[in-house]
C-alpha atoms as a PDB file:
ATOM      1  CA  MET A   1       8.398  -5.946  -2.850  1.00  0.00           C
ATOM      2  CA  PRO A   2       5.498  -4.254  -1.053  1.00  0.00           C
ATOM      3  CA  LEU A   3       2.175  -5.614   0.105  1.00  0.00           C
ATOM      4  CA  HIS A   4      -0.888  -3.866  -1.309  1.00  0.00           C
ATOM      5  CA  ILE A   5      -4.390  -3.871   0.132  1.00  0.00           C
ATOM      6  CA  VAL A   6      -6.885  -3.138  -2.637  1.00  0.00           C
ATOM      7  CA  ARG A   7     -10.653  -3.066  -3.018  1.00  0.00           C
ATOM      8  CA  ASN A   8     -11.401  -4.963  -6.222  1.00  0.00           C
ATOM      9  CA  ASP A   9     -12.905  -8.082  -7.740  1.00  0.00           C
ATOM     10  CA  ILE A  10     -10.102 -10.655  -7.558  1.00  0.00           C
ATOM     11  CA  THR A  11     -11.051 -12.032 -10.987  1.00  0.00           C
ATOM     12  CA  HIS A  12     -10.034  -8.637 -12.427  1.00  0.00           C
ATOM     13  CA  MET A  13      -6.520  -8.775 -10.982  1.00  0.00           C
ATOM     14  CA  SER A  14      -3.599  -9.274 -13.362  1.00  0.00           C
ATOM     15  CA  CYS A  15      -1.023 -11.386 -11.507  1.00  0.00           C
ATOM     16  CA  ASP A  16       1.051 -14.499 -12.023  1.00  0.00           C
ATOM     17  CA  ALA A  17      -1.157 -16.332  -9.535  1.00  0.00           C
ATOM     18  CA  ILE A  18      -4.644 -15.732  -8.181  1.00  0.00           C
ATOM     19  CA  VAL A  19      -5.679 -17.536  -5.007  1.00  0.00           C
ATOM     20  CA  ASN A  20      -9.084 -19.155  -4.776  1.00  0.00           C
ATOM     21  CA  ALA A  21     -10.871 -19.457  -1.428  1.00  0.00           C
ATOM     22  CA  ALA A  22     -11.508 -23.146  -2.011  1.00  0.00           C
ATOM     23  CA  ASN A  23     -13.417 -25.850  -0.193  1.00  0.00           C
ATOM     24  CA  PRO A  24     -11.767 -29.215   0.635  1.00  0.00           C
ATOM     25  CA  GLN A  25     -13.605 -30.924  -2.249  1.00  0.00           C
ATOM     26  CA  LEU A  26     -12.379 -28.262  -4.734  1.00  0.00           C
ATOM     27  CA  ARG A  27     -15.905 -27.913  -6.052  1.00  0.00           C
ATOM     28  CA  PRO A  28     -17.471 -24.719  -7.409  1.00  0.00           C
ATOM     29  CA  GLY A  29     -19.004 -22.755  -4.553  1.00  0.00           C
ATOM     30  CA  GLY A  30     -20.219 -19.285  -3.711  1.00  0.00           C
ATOM     31  CA  GLY A  31     -18.334 -16.053  -3.091  1.00  0.00           C
ATOM     32  CA  VAL A  32     -14.770 -15.892  -4.383  1.00  0.00           C
ATOM     33  CA  CYS A  33     -14.788 -19.551  -5.416  1.00  0.00           C
ATOM     34  CA  GLY A  34     -17.917 -19.150  -7.514  1.00  0.00           C
ATOM     35  CA  ALA A  35     -16.592 -15.952  -9.101  1.00  0.00           C
ATOM     36  CA  ILE A  36     -13.323 -17.630 -10.118  1.00  0.00           C
ATOM     37  CA  PHE A  37     -15.108 -20.602 -11.691  1.00  0.00           C
ATOM     38  CA  ALA A  38     -17.441 -18.214 -13.531  1.00  0.00           C
ATOM     39  CA  ALA A  39     -14.520 -16.117 -14.837  1.00  0.00           C
ATOM     40  CA  SER A  40     -12.613 -19.152 -16.131  1.00  0.00           C
ATOM     41  CA  ASP A  41     -13.450 -22.098 -18.375  1.00  0.00           C
ATOM     42  CA  ALA A  42     -15.530 -23.671 -15.611  1.00  0.00           C
ATOM     43  CA  PRO A  43     -15.815 -27.208 -17.066  1.00  0.00           C
ATOM     44  CA  ALA A  44     -12.066 -27.408 -17.674  1.00  0.00           C
ATOM     45  CA  LEU A  45     -11.260 -25.982 -14.228  1.00  0.00           C
ATOM     46  CA  GLY A  46     -13.732 -28.370 -12.609  1.00  0.00           C
ATOM     47  CA  LYS A  47     -12.135 -31.331 -14.379  1.00  0.00           C
ATOM     48  CA  ALA A  48      -8.640 -30.271 -13.243  1.00  0.00           C
ATOM     49  CA  CYS A  49      -9.825 -29.848  -9.659  1.00  0.00           C
ATOM     50  CA  LYS A  50     -11.548 -33.238  -9.681  1.00  0.00           C
ATOM     51  CA  ALA A  51      -8.316 -34.877 -10.864  1.00  0.00           C
ATOM     52  CA  LEU A  52      -6.509 -33.471  -7.800  1.00  0.00           C
ATOM     53  CA  GLY A  53      -8.836 -35.399  -5.499  1.00  0.00           C
ATOM     54  CA  GLY A  54      -9.432 -32.622  -2.981  1.00  0.00           C
ATOM     55  CA  CYS A  55      -7.277 -30.540  -0.637  1.00  0.00           C
ATOM     56  CA  PRO A  56      -7.011 -30.700   3.186  1.00  0.00           C
ATOM     57  CA  THR A  57      -7.864 -27.656   5.295  1.00  0.00           C
ATOM     58  CA  GLY A  58      -4.766 -25.523   5.801  1.00  0.00           C
ATOM     59  CA  SER A  59      -3.231 -26.606   2.486  1.00  0.00           C
ATOM     60  CA  ALA A  60      -3.224 -25.407  -1.122  1.00  0.00           C
ATOM     61  CA  VAL A  61      -3.011 -26.936  -4.592  1.00  0.00           C
ATOM     62  CA  LEU A  62      -2.407 -25.459  -8.032  1.00  0.00           C
ATOM     63  CA  THR A  63      -4.075 -25.618 -11.434  1.00  0.00           C
ATOM     64  CA  ASP A  64      -3.723 -23.771 -14.713  1.00  0.00           C
ATOM     65  CA  SER A  65      -5.709 -20.549 -15.080  1.00  0.00           C
ATOM     66  CA  PHE A  66      -8.113 -21.774 -17.791  1.00  0.00           C
ATOM     67  CA  GLY A  67      -8.676 -18.422 -19.440  1.00  0.00           C
ATOM     68  CA  MET A  68      -8.222 -16.088 -16.477  1.00  0.00           C
ATOM     69  CA  ASN A  69      -5.746 -13.199 -16.587  1.00  0.00           C
ATOM     70  CA  CYS A  70      -3.068 -15.089 -14.661  1.00  0.00           C
ATOM     71  CA  ARG A  71      -0.736 -18.039 -15.094  1.00  0.00           C
ATOM     72  CA  TYR A  72      -2.066 -20.129 -12.229  1.00  0.00           C
ATOM     73  CA  ILE A  73      -5.000 -20.514  -9.889  1.00  0.00           C
ATOM     74  CA  ILE A  74      -3.955 -21.614  -6.407  1.00  0.00           C
ATOM     75  CA  HIS A  75      -6.748 -23.231  -4.416  1.00  0.00           C
ATOM     76  CA  ALA A  76      -6.202 -22.561  -0.696  1.00  0.00           C
ATOM     77  CA  VAL A  77      -8.520 -24.105   1.900  1.00  0.00           C
ATOM     78  CA  GLY A  78      -9.027 -22.072   5.042  1.00  0.00           C
ATOM     79  CA  PRO A  79     -10.807 -23.331   8.165  1.00  0.00           C
ATOM     80  CA  VAL A  80     -14.441 -22.979   9.118  1.00  0.00           C
ATOM     81  CA  TRP A  81     -14.722 -20.760  12.217  1.00  0.00           C
ATOM     82  CA  GLN A  82     -15.680 -22.815  15.284  1.00  0.00           C
ATOM     83  CA  GLY A  83     -15.159 -20.247  17.982  1.00  0.00           C
ATOM     84  CA  GLY A  84     -11.376 -20.127  17.790  1.00  0.00           C
ATOM     85  CA  THR A  85     -10.762 -23.202  19.940  1.00  0.00           C
ATOM     86  CA  GLN A  86     -10.099 -25.727  17.169  1.00  0.00           C
ATOM     87  CA  GLY A  87      -6.758 -24.438  15.883  1.00  0.00           C
ATOM     88  CA  GLU A  88      -8.388 -22.200  13.288  1.00  0.00           C
ATOM     89  CA  ALA A  89      -5.697 -19.506  13.453  1.00  0.00           C
ATOM     90  CA  GLU A  90      -2.846 -21.899  12.677  1.00  0.00           C
ATOM     91  CA  LEU A  91      -4.857 -23.589   9.926  1.00  0.00           C
ATOM     92  CA  LEU A  92      -5.524 -20.215   8.350  1.00  0.00           C
ATOM     93  CA  ARG A  93      -1.845 -19.260   8.497  1.00  0.00           C
ATOM     94  CA  SER A  94      -0.982 -22.632   6.995  1.00  0.00           C
ATOM     95  CA  ALA A  95      -3.343 -22.061   4.066  1.00  0.00           C
ATOM     96  CA  TYR A  96      -1.627 -18.750   3.242  1.00  0.00           C
ATOM     97  CA  ARG A  97       1.860 -20.226   3.658  1.00  0.00           C
ATOM     98  CA  SER A  98       1.016 -23.210   1.442  1.00  0.00           C
ATOM     99  CA  ALA A  99      -0.211 -20.889  -1.309  1.00  0.00           C
ATOM    100  CA  LEU A 100       2.910 -18.734  -1.002  1.00  0.00           C
ATOM    101  CA  ARG A 101       5.167 -21.788  -1.247  1.00  0.00           C
ATOM    102  CA  LEU A 102       3.458 -22.797  -4.481  1.00  0.00           C
ATOM    103  CA  MET A 103       3.993 -19.298  -5.863  1.00  0.00           C
ATOM    104  CA  GLU A 104       7.695 -19.520  -5.044  1.00  0.00           C
ATOM    105  CA  GLU A 105       7.984 -22.987  -6.610  1.00  0.00           C
ATOM    106  CA  LYS A 106       6.468 -21.653  -9.827  1.00  0.00           C
ATOM    107  CA  GLU A 107       8.682 -18.533  -9.684  1.00  0.00           C
ATOM    108  CA  CYS A 108       5.719 -16.186  -9.564  1.00  0.00           C
ATOM    109  CA  ARG A 109       6.558 -12.511  -9.300  1.00  0.00           C
ATOM    110  CA  SER A 110       3.101 -11.445  -8.169  1.00  0.00           C
ATOM    111  CA  GLY A 111       0.091 -12.955  -6.457  1.00  0.00           C
ATOM    112  CA  ALA A 112      -3.389 -11.887  -5.355  1.00  0.00           C
ATOM    113  CA  PHE A 113      -5.192 -13.288  -2.314  1.00  0.00           C
ATOM    114  CA  PRO A 114      -8.760 -12.922  -1.119  1.00  0.00           C
ATOM    115  CA  LEU A 115      -9.436 -12.739   2.611  1.00  0.00           C
ATOM    116  CA  LEU A 116      -9.529 -16.487   3.259  1.00  0.00           C
ATOM    117  CA  SER A 117     -12.251 -17.949   5.519  1.00  0.00           C
ATOM    118  CA  ALA A 118     -13.851 -14.540   6.106  1.00  0.00           C
ATOM    119  CA  GLY A 119     -16.914 -15.239   3.947  1.00  0.00           C
ATOM    120  CA  ILE A 120     -19.306 -18.154   4.403  1.00  0.00           C
ATOM    121  CA  TYR A 121     -16.727 -19.906   6.609  1.00  0.00           C
ATOM    122  CA  GLY A 122     -17.485 -17.263   9.240  1.00  0.00           C
ATOM    123  CA  TYR A 123     -13.969 -16.294  10.371  1.00  0.00           C
ATOM    124  CA  PRO A 124     -14.160 -12.912  12.170  1.00  0.00           C
ATOM    125  CA  MET A 125     -13.084 -10.384   9.556  1.00  0.00           C
ATOM    126  CA  GLU A 126     -10.737  -8.355  11.750  1.00  0.00           C
ATOM    127  CA  GLU A 127      -8.857 -11.465  12.898  1.00  0.00           C
ATOM    128  CA  ALA A 128      -8.793 -12.895   9.360  1.00  0.00           C
ATOM    129  CA  LEU A 129      -7.269  -9.635   8.118  1.00  0.00           C
ATOM    130  CA  ASP A 130      -4.616  -9.604  10.854  1.00  0.00           C
ATOM    131  CA  ILE A 131      -3.534 -13.169  10.002  1.00  0.00           C
ATOM    132  CA  ALA A 132      -3.472 -12.459   6.255  1.00  0.00           C
ATOM    133  CA  VAL A 133      -1.292  -9.365   6.621  1.00  0.00           C
ATOM    134  CA  GLU A 134       0.992 -10.945   9.209  1.00  0.00           C
ATOM    135  CA  THR A 135       1.587 -14.079   7.114  1.00  0.00           C
ATOM    136  CA  MET A 136       2.222 -12.243   3.857  1.00  0.00           C
ATOM    137  CA  ARG A 137       4.567  -9.751   5.491  1.00  0.00           C
ATOM    138  CA  GLU A 138       6.462 -12.641   7.059  1.00  0.00           C
ATOM    139  CA  HIS A 139       6.936 -14.091   3.571  1.00  0.00           C
ATOM    140  CA  LEU A 140       8.069 -10.777   2.097  1.00  0.00           C
ATOM    141  CA  GLU A 141      10.930 -10.635   4.596  1.00  0.00           C
ATOM    142  CA  HIS A 142      12.793 -13.051   2.317  1.00  0.00           C
ATOM    143  CA  SER A 143      11.027 -12.594  -1.026  1.00  0.00           C
ATOM    144  CA  ASP A 144      10.822  -9.947  -3.745  1.00  0.00           C
ATOM    145  CA  MET A 145       7.332 -11.017  -4.770  1.00  0.00           C
ATOM    146  CA  GLU A 146       4.588  -8.400  -5.117  1.00  0.00           C
ATOM    147  CA  LEU A 147       1.506  -9.397  -3.155  1.00  0.00           C
ATOM    148  CA  TYR A 148      -2.043  -8.081  -3.174  1.00  0.00           C
ATOM    149  CA  LEU A 149      -4.730  -8.629  -0.555  1.00  0.00           C
ATOM    150  CA  VAL A 150      -7.980  -8.085  -2.432  1.00  0.00           C
ATOM    151  CA  ILE A 151     -11.085  -7.108  -0.465  1.00  0.00           C
ATOM    152  CA  TYR A 152     -14.255  -7.050  -2.523  1.00  0.00           C
ATOM    153  CA  SER A 153     -16.852  -5.824  -0.067  1.00  0.00           C
ATOM    154  CA  GLU A 154     -17.624  -2.125   0.192  1.00  0.00           C
ATOM    155  CA  MET A 155     -18.531  -2.681   3.846  1.00  0.00           C
ATOM    156  CA  SER A 156     -16.071  -1.500   6.468  1.00  0.00           C
ATOM    157  CA  VAL A 157     -13.660  -4.173   7.609  1.00  0.00           C
ATOM    158  CA  LEU A 158     -11.950  -2.352  10.418  1.00  0.00           C
ATOM    159  CA  ILE A 159     -14.022   0.525  11.685  1.00  0.00           C
ATOM    160  CA  GLY A 160     -15.339  -1.511  14.603  1.00  0.00           C
ATOM    161  CA  LYS A 161     -11.913  -1.522  16.232  1.00  0.00           C
ATOM    162  CA  GLN A 162     -11.564   0.945  19.075  1.00  0.00           C
ATOM    163  CA  ARG A 163      -8.437   2.504  17.641  1.00  0.00           C
ATOM    164  CA  PHE A 164     -10.259   3.363  14.415  1.00  0.00           C
ATOM    165  CA  SER A 165     -13.062   4.987  16.363  1.00  0.00           C
ATOM    166  CA  ASP A 166     -10.311   7.055  17.999  1.00  0.00           C
ATOM    167  CA  ILE A 167      -8.987   7.979  14.549  1.00  0.00           C
ATOM    168  CA  GLN A 168     -12.428   9.197  13.481  1.00  0.00           C
ATOM    169  CA  SER A 169     -12.522  11.453  16.524  1.00  0.00           C
ATOM    170  CA  PHE A 170      -8.987  12.663  15.749  1.00  0.00           C
ATOM    171  CA  ILE A 171     -10.038  13.479  12.173  1.00  0.00           C
ATOM    172  CA  ASP A 172     -13.134  15.291  13.392  1.00  0.00           C
ATOM    173  CA  ASP A 173     -11.003  17.399  15.726  1.00  0.00           C
ATOM    174  CA  ASN A 174      -8.367  18.269  13.106  1.00  0.00           C
ATOM    175  CA  TYR A 175      -9.916  18.157   9.656  1.00  0.00           C
ATOM    176  CA  VAL A 176     -10.141  21.528   7.888  1.00  0.00           C
ATOM    177  CA  HIS A 177     -12.502  21.743   4.923  1.00  0.00           C
ATOM    178  CA  SER A 178     -10.885  23.997   2.337  1.00  0.00           C
ATOM    179  CA  HIS A 179     -13.775  25.502   0.377  1.00  0.00           C
ATOM    180  CA  ALA A 180     -12.709  28.934  -0.804  1.00  0.00           C
ATOM    181  CA  ARG A 181     -15.443  31.304  -1.970  1.00  0.00           C
ATOM    182  CA  PRO A 182     -15.583  31.842  -5.770  1.00  0.00           C
ATOM    183  CA  ARG A 183     -14.271  35.423  -5.453  1.00  0.00           C
ATOM    184  CA  ALA A 184     -11.372  34.243  -3.285  1.00  0.00           C
ATOM    185  CA  ARG A 185     -10.545  31.498  -5.772  1.00  0.00           C
ATOM    186  CA  GLN A 186     -10.639  34.004  -8.632  1.00  0.00           C
ATOM    187  CA  ARG A 187      -8.245  36.327  -6.781  1.00  0.00           C
ATOM    188  CA  GLU A 188      -5.947  33.379  -6.033  1.00  0.00           C
ATOM    189  CA  HIS A 189      -5.975  32.429  -9.719  1.00  0.00           C
ATOM    190  CA  VAL A 190      -4.968  35.971 -10.737  1.00  0.00           C
ATOM    191  CA  LEU A 191      -2.129  35.967  -8.205  1.00  0.00           C
ATOM    192  CA  MET A 192      -0.912  32.585  -9.453  1.00  0.00           C
ATOM    193  CA  GLU A 193      -0.914  33.850 -13.032  1.00  0.00           C
ATOM    194  CA  ALA A 194       1.087  36.900 -12.013  1.00  0.00           C
ATOM    195  CA  GLU A 195       3.625  34.760 -10.154  1.00  0.00           C
ATOM    196  CA  ALA A 196       3.878  32.343 -13.071  1.00  0.00           C
ATOM    197  CA  ALA A 197       4.980  35.067 -15.521  1.00  0.00           C
ATOM    198  CA  PRO A 198       8.089  36.719 -14.047  1.00  0.00           C
ATOM    199  CA  CYS A 199       9.536  37.375 -17.517  1.00  0.00           C
ATOM    200  CA  CYS A 200       6.812  39.933 -18.152  1.00  0.00           C
ATOM    201  CA  SER A 201       7.436  41.864 -14.947  1.00  0.00           C
ATOM    202  CA  ALA A 202      11.223  41.580 -14.796  1.00  0.00           C
ATOM    203  CA  PRO A 203      13.215  44.801 -15.272  1.00  0.00           C
ATOM    204  CA  MET A 204      14.172  45.486 -18.888  1.00  0.00           C
ATOM    205  CA  ASP A 205      17.883  45.443 -18.095  1.00  0.00           C
ATOM    206  CA  ALA A 206      17.595  41.965 -16.576  1.00  0.00           C
ATOM    207  CA  ARG A 207      15.807  40.703 -19.668  1.00  0.00           C
ATOM    208  CA  ARG A 208      18.402  42.260 -21.955  1.00  0.00           C
ATOM    209  CA  GLU A 209      21.368  41.070 -19.867  1.00  0.00           C
ATOM    210  CA  PRO A 210      20.818  37.345 -19.186  1.00  0.00           C
ATOM    211  CA  GLY A 211      24.316  36.981 -17.818  1.00  0.00           C
ATOM    212  CA  ARG A 212      23.597  39.360 -14.952  1.00  0.00           C
ATOM    213  CA  ALA A 213      20.237  37.759 -14.149  1.00  0.00           C
ATOM    214  CA  GLY A 214      21.825  34.315 -14.451  1.00  0.00           C
ATOM    215  CA  SER A 215      24.491  35.142 -11.878  1.00  0.00           C
ATOM    216  CA  GLY A 216      21.770  35.964  -9.341  1.00  0.00           C
ATOM    217  CA  LEU A 217      20.024  32.689 -10.090  1.00  0.00           C
ATOM    218  CA  LEU A 218      23.281  30.775  -9.688  1.00  0.00           C
ATOM    219  CA  SER A 219      23.772  32.453  -6.325  1.00  0.00           C
ATOM    220  CA  LEU A 220      20.347  31.243  -5.192  1.00  0.00           C
ATOM    221  CA  LEU A 221      20.998  27.720  -6.464  1.00  0.00           C
ATOM    222  CA  GLU A 222      24.282  27.576  -4.563  1.00  0.00           C
ATOM    223  CA  LYS A 223      22.281  28.089  -1.345  1.00  0.00           C
ATOM    224  CA  GLN A 224      19.949  25.173  -2.091  1.00  0.00           C
ATOM    225  CA  GLU A 225      19.420  22.913   0.914  1.00  0.00           C
ATOM    226  CA  GLU A 226      19.933  19.164   0.827  1.00  0.00           C
ATOM    227  CA  SER A 227      17.481  17.326  -1.372  1.00  0.00           C
ATOM    228  CA  PHE A 228      14.893  14.784  -0.271  1.00  0.00           C
ATOM    229  CA  SER A 229      17.069  11.820  -1.219  1.00  0.00           C
ATOM    230  CA  GLN A 230      20.127  13.317   0.480  1.00  0.00           C
ATOM    231  CA  MET A 231      18.159  13.821   3.672  1.00  0.00           C
ATOM    232  CA  VAL A 232      16.834  10.249   3.634  1.00  0.00           C
ATOM    233  CA  LEU A 233      20.298   8.772   3.131  1.00  0.00           C
ATOM    234  CA  ARG A 234      21.793  11.060   5.789  1.00  0.00           C
ATOM    235  CA  LEU A 235      19.168  10.023   8.342  1.00  0.00           C
ATOM    236  CA  ILE A 236      19.863   6.358   7.603  1.00  0.00           C
ATOM    237  CA  ARG A 237      23.590   6.893   8.162  1.00  0.00           C
ATOM    238  CA  GLU A 238      23.207   9.023  11.294  1.00  0.00           C
ATOM    239  CA  ARG A 239      20.833   6.551  12.929  1.00  0.00           C
ATOM    240  CA  GLY A 240      22.890   3.508  12.020  1.00  0.00           C
ATOM    241  CA  LEU A 241      20.011   1.929  10.113  1.00  0.00           C
ATOM    242  CA  ASP A 242      20.043  -0.718   7.419  1.00  0.00           C
ATOM    243  CA  GLU A 243      18.790   0.536   4.041  1.00  0.00           C
ATOM    244  CA  VAL A 244      16.968  -2.707   3.239  1.00  0.00           C
ATOM    245  CA  ALA A 245      15.213  -2.669   6.616  1.00  0.00           C
ATOM    246  CA  VAL A 246      14.158   0.952   6.042  1.00  0.00           C
ATOM    247  CA  TYR A 247      12.599   0.453   2.617  1.00  0.00           C
ATOM    248  CA  LYS A 248      10.869  -2.736   3.714  1.00  0.00           C
ATOM    249  CA  ALA A 249       9.532  -0.948   6.815  1.00  0.00           C
ATOM    250  CA  ALA A 250       8.273   1.746   4.426  1.00  0.00           C
ATOM    251  CA  ASN A 251       6.530  -0.846   2.195  1.00  0.00           C
ATOM    252  CA  LEU A 252       8.685   0.163  -0.778  1.00  0.00           C
ATOM    253  CA  ASP A 253      10.360  -2.006  -3.369  1.00  0.00           C
ATOM    254  CA  ARG A 254      14.072  -2.251  -4.054  1.00  0.00           C
ATOM    255  CA  LYS A 255      13.894  -0.601  -7.491  1.00  0.00           C
ATOM    256  CA  LEU A 256      12.217   2.525  -6.168  1.00  0.00           C
ATOM    257  CA  PHE A 257      14.751   2.899  -3.350  1.00  0.00           C
ATOM    258  CA  SER A 258      17.549   2.372  -5.864  1.00  0.00           C
ATOM    259  CA  ARG A 259      16.256   5.335  -7.879  1.00  0.00           C
ATOM    260  CA  LEU A 260      16.209   7.432  -4.723  1.00  0.00           C
ATOM    261  CA  ARG A 261      19.770   6.424  -3.898  1.00  0.00           C
ATOM    262  CA  SER A 262      21.067   7.105  -7.412  1.00  0.00           C
ATOM    263  CA  HIS A 263      19.448  10.474  -8.091  1.00  0.00           C
ATOM    264  CA  ARG A 264      20.043  13.523  -5.919  1.00  0.00           C
ATOM    265  CA  ASP A 265      16.941  15.245  -7.275  1.00  0.00           C
ATOM    266  CA  TYR A 266      14.636  12.227  -7.044  1.00  0.00           C
ATOM    267  CA  GLN A 267      11.050  13.474  -6.640  1.00  0.00           C
ATOM    268  CA  PRO A 268       8.866  11.081  -4.615  1.00  0.00           C
ATOM    269  CA  SER A 269       5.099  10.972  -4.473  1.00  0.00           C
ATOM    270  CA  LYS A 270       3.692  12.221  -1.194  1.00  0.00           C
ATOM    271  CA  ALA A 271       2.692   8.652  -0.257  1.00  0.00           C
ATOM    272  CA  THR A 272       6.308   7.541  -0.750  1.00  0.00           C
ATOM    273  CA  ALA A 273       7.643  10.458   1.300  1.00  0.00           C
ATOM    274  CA  LEU A 274       5.249   9.669   4.145  1.00  0.00           C
ATOM    275  CA  ALA A 275       6.119   5.968   3.921  1.00  0.00           C
ATOM    276  CA  LEU A 276       9.813   6.753   4.349  1.00  0.00           C
ATOM    277  CA  ALA A 277       9.034   8.970   7.344  1.00  0.00           C
ATOM    278  CA  VAL A 278       7.344   5.925   8.893  1.00  0.00           C
ATOM    279  CA  GLY A 279      10.194   3.613   7.873  1.00  0.00           C
ATOM    280  CA  LEU A 280      12.692   6.005   9.463  1.00  0.00           C
ATOM    281  CA  ARG A 281      10.501   6.313  12.596  1.00  0.00           C
ATOM    282  CA  LEU A 282      10.504  10.112  12.436  1.00  0.00           C
ATOM    283  CA  SER A 283       8.669  12.412  14.801  1.00  0.00           C
ATOM    284  CA  VAL A 284       5.970  14.772  13.503  1.00  0.00           C
ATOM    285  CA  PRO A 285       8.396  17.754  13.230  1.00  0.00           C
ATOM    286  CA  GLU A 286      10.972  15.527  11.505  1.00  0.00           C
ATOM    287  CA  THR A 287       8.309  14.245   9.139  1.00  0.00           C
ATOM    288  CA  SER A 288       7.353  17.820   8.250  1.00  0.00           C
ATOM    289  CA  LYS A 289      10.996  18.646   7.464  1.00  0.00           C
ATOM    290  CA  LEU A 290      11.352  15.563   5.271  1.00  0.00           C
ATOM    291  CA  LEU A 291       8.160  16.410   3.375  1.00  0.00           C
ATOM    292  CA  GLU A 292       9.414  19.971   2.825  1.00  0.00           C
ATOM    293  CA  ARG A 293      12.431  18.567   0.987  1.00  0.00           C
ATOM    294  CA  ALA A 294      10.022  17.005  -1.507  1.00  0.00           C
ATOM    295  CA  GLY A 295       7.796  20.082  -1.769  1.00  0.00           C
ATOM    296  CA  TYR A 296       4.980  18.761   0.437  1.00  0.00           C
ATOM    297  CA  ALA A 297       3.541  19.609   3.843  1.00  0.00           C
ATOM    298  CA  LEU A 298       1.468  17.927   6.534  1.00  0.00           C
ATOM    299  CA  SER A 299      -1.953  19.462   6.133  1.00  0.00           C
ATOM    300  CA  ASN A 300      -5.123  19.458   8.223  1.00  0.00           C
ATOM    301  CA  SER A 301      -7.098  19.565   4.979  1.00  0.00           C
ATOM    302  CA  SER A 302      -5.861  16.061   4.091  1.00  0.00           C
ATOM    303  CA  LYS A 303      -7.371  13.043   5.858  1.00  0.00           C
ATOM    304  CA  GLN A 304      -4.352  10.981   4.794  1.00  0.00           C
ATOM    305  CA  ASP A 305      -2.002  13.401   6.552  1.00  0.00           C
ATOM    306  CA  ILE A 306      -4.141  13.503   9.689  1.00  0.00           C
ATOM    307  CA  ILE A 307      -4.281   9.701   9.922  1.00  0.00           C
ATOM    308  CA  VAL A 308      -0.514   9.340   9.441  1.00  0.00           C
ATOM    309  CA  ARG A 309       0.112  12.053  12.028  1.00  0.00           C
ATOM    310  CA  TYR A 310      -2.238  10.250  14.444  1.00  0.00           C
ATOM    311  CA  PHE A 311      -0.015   7.156  14.358  1.00  0.00           C
ATOM    312  CA  ILE A 312       3.303   9.010  14.386  1.00  0.00           C
ATOM    313  CA  GLN A 313       2.270  11.006  17.455  1.00  0.00           C
ATOM    314  CA  ARG A 314       1.580   7.684  19.195  1.00  0.00           C
ATOM    315  CA  GLU A 315       4.900   6.222  17.926  1.00  0.00           C
ATOM    316  CA  VAL A 316       3.090   3.502  15.966  1.00  0.00           C
ATOM    317  CA  TYR A 317       5.375   2.880  12.991  1.00  0.00           C
ATOM    318  CA  ASP A 318       3.920  -0.344  11.635  1.00  0.00           C
ATOM    319  CA  ILE A 319       3.204   0.531   7.997  1.00  0.00           C
ATOM    320  CA  MET A 320       0.444  -2.050   7.534  1.00  0.00           C
ATOM    321  CA  THR A 321      -1.405  -0.904  10.653  1.00  0.00           C
ATOM    322  CA  ILE A 322      -1.357   2.602   9.180  1.00  0.00           C
ATOM    323  CA  ASN A 323      -2.379   1.334   5.748  1.00  0.00           C
ATOM    324  CA  GLU A 324      -5.275  -0.644   7.203  1.00  0.00           C
ATOM    325  CA  ALA A 325      -6.586   2.596   8.703  1.00  0.00           C
ATOM    326  CA  LEU A 326      -6.030   4.519   5.462  1.00  0.00           C
ATOM    327  CA  PHE A 327      -7.819   1.764   3.537  1.00  0.00           C
ATOM    328  CA  ASP A 328     -10.778   1.880   5.862  1.00  0.00           C
ATOM    329  CA  PHE A 329     -11.095   5.638   5.439  1.00  0.00           C
ATOM    330  CA  ASP A 330     -10.744   5.340   1.615  1.00  0.00           C
ATOM    331  CA  GLN A 331      -7.370   7.133   1.509  1.00  0.00           C
ATOM    332  CA  HIS A 332      -4.307   6.375  -0.587  1.00  0.00           C
ATOM    333  CA  LEU A 333      -2.051   3.807   1.066  1.00  0.00           C
ATOM    334  CA  LEU A 334       1.609   4.421   1.856  1.00  0.00           C
ATOM    335  CA  GLY A 335       4.434   2.804  -0.065  1.00  0.00           C
ATOM    336  CA  ALA A 336       4.892   1.673  -3.637  1.00  0.00           C
END
């Protein structure tokens, strides 16, 4: 299953398990912890946490949800940032892994995490994000769980990185604002209406003799090029790739790829088509050809397209690196 990065209030997520950014005493606190206590039956949750007797840093424990829209609350304790010299990175990874193990033990199919330690614990946000994504992706290599990384703040998480400053410059150099004048839009609308009504402009004999018109249509259909799904499967075969590795690299789930494999005329969303171009490690021209098979195009009027092209041109095919950039520029993420 894919990993999603979403901007939301974690207490609004509907998952089997929601992860609390807990303190070692498992007491109500501020930030995510305070929000989770406030959204649940706080006295009952507090009593359950007290009975557990605390939780060491780098570990996680589980309670019932006490009225929240999930089956379980998993309380994961990340480290306080002390400059990065006190094993904080490994403790943070351990907190995520402990929470994920509890999800597996309880046979959870979905789970939502906050960005652990990145609030009052002071962990640098960029590094906290890298560890969160890396650890969850590592888990998804052998799991079909659906995971969400929930970021509440509207403030930019990533824009301070040099590569994202480069992306902004790339967008500025390539972005085309498509604002047609009203008269131009009206003319375009008239043309679209005319093209949408061929039955009214077709010759009378063609309308009266459907067999003759139908034979011409059949001739055109016989010349149809390979479909999107056929092209994807052909590229996998020709490049000696593993299907599972491709759809995981594209941040897609097994069910979606199964539909693609089973249906010649499968119609993907543009985000799915772009994700598969990344999973297949296509060049920009190859990506354009794949998109054409699905009825799309790479466009300089789309920030999403420009950002994806930026990474493909630099042969950066890590889907989460691309999605982090798309997230930061408020664009739709790639994958399912």
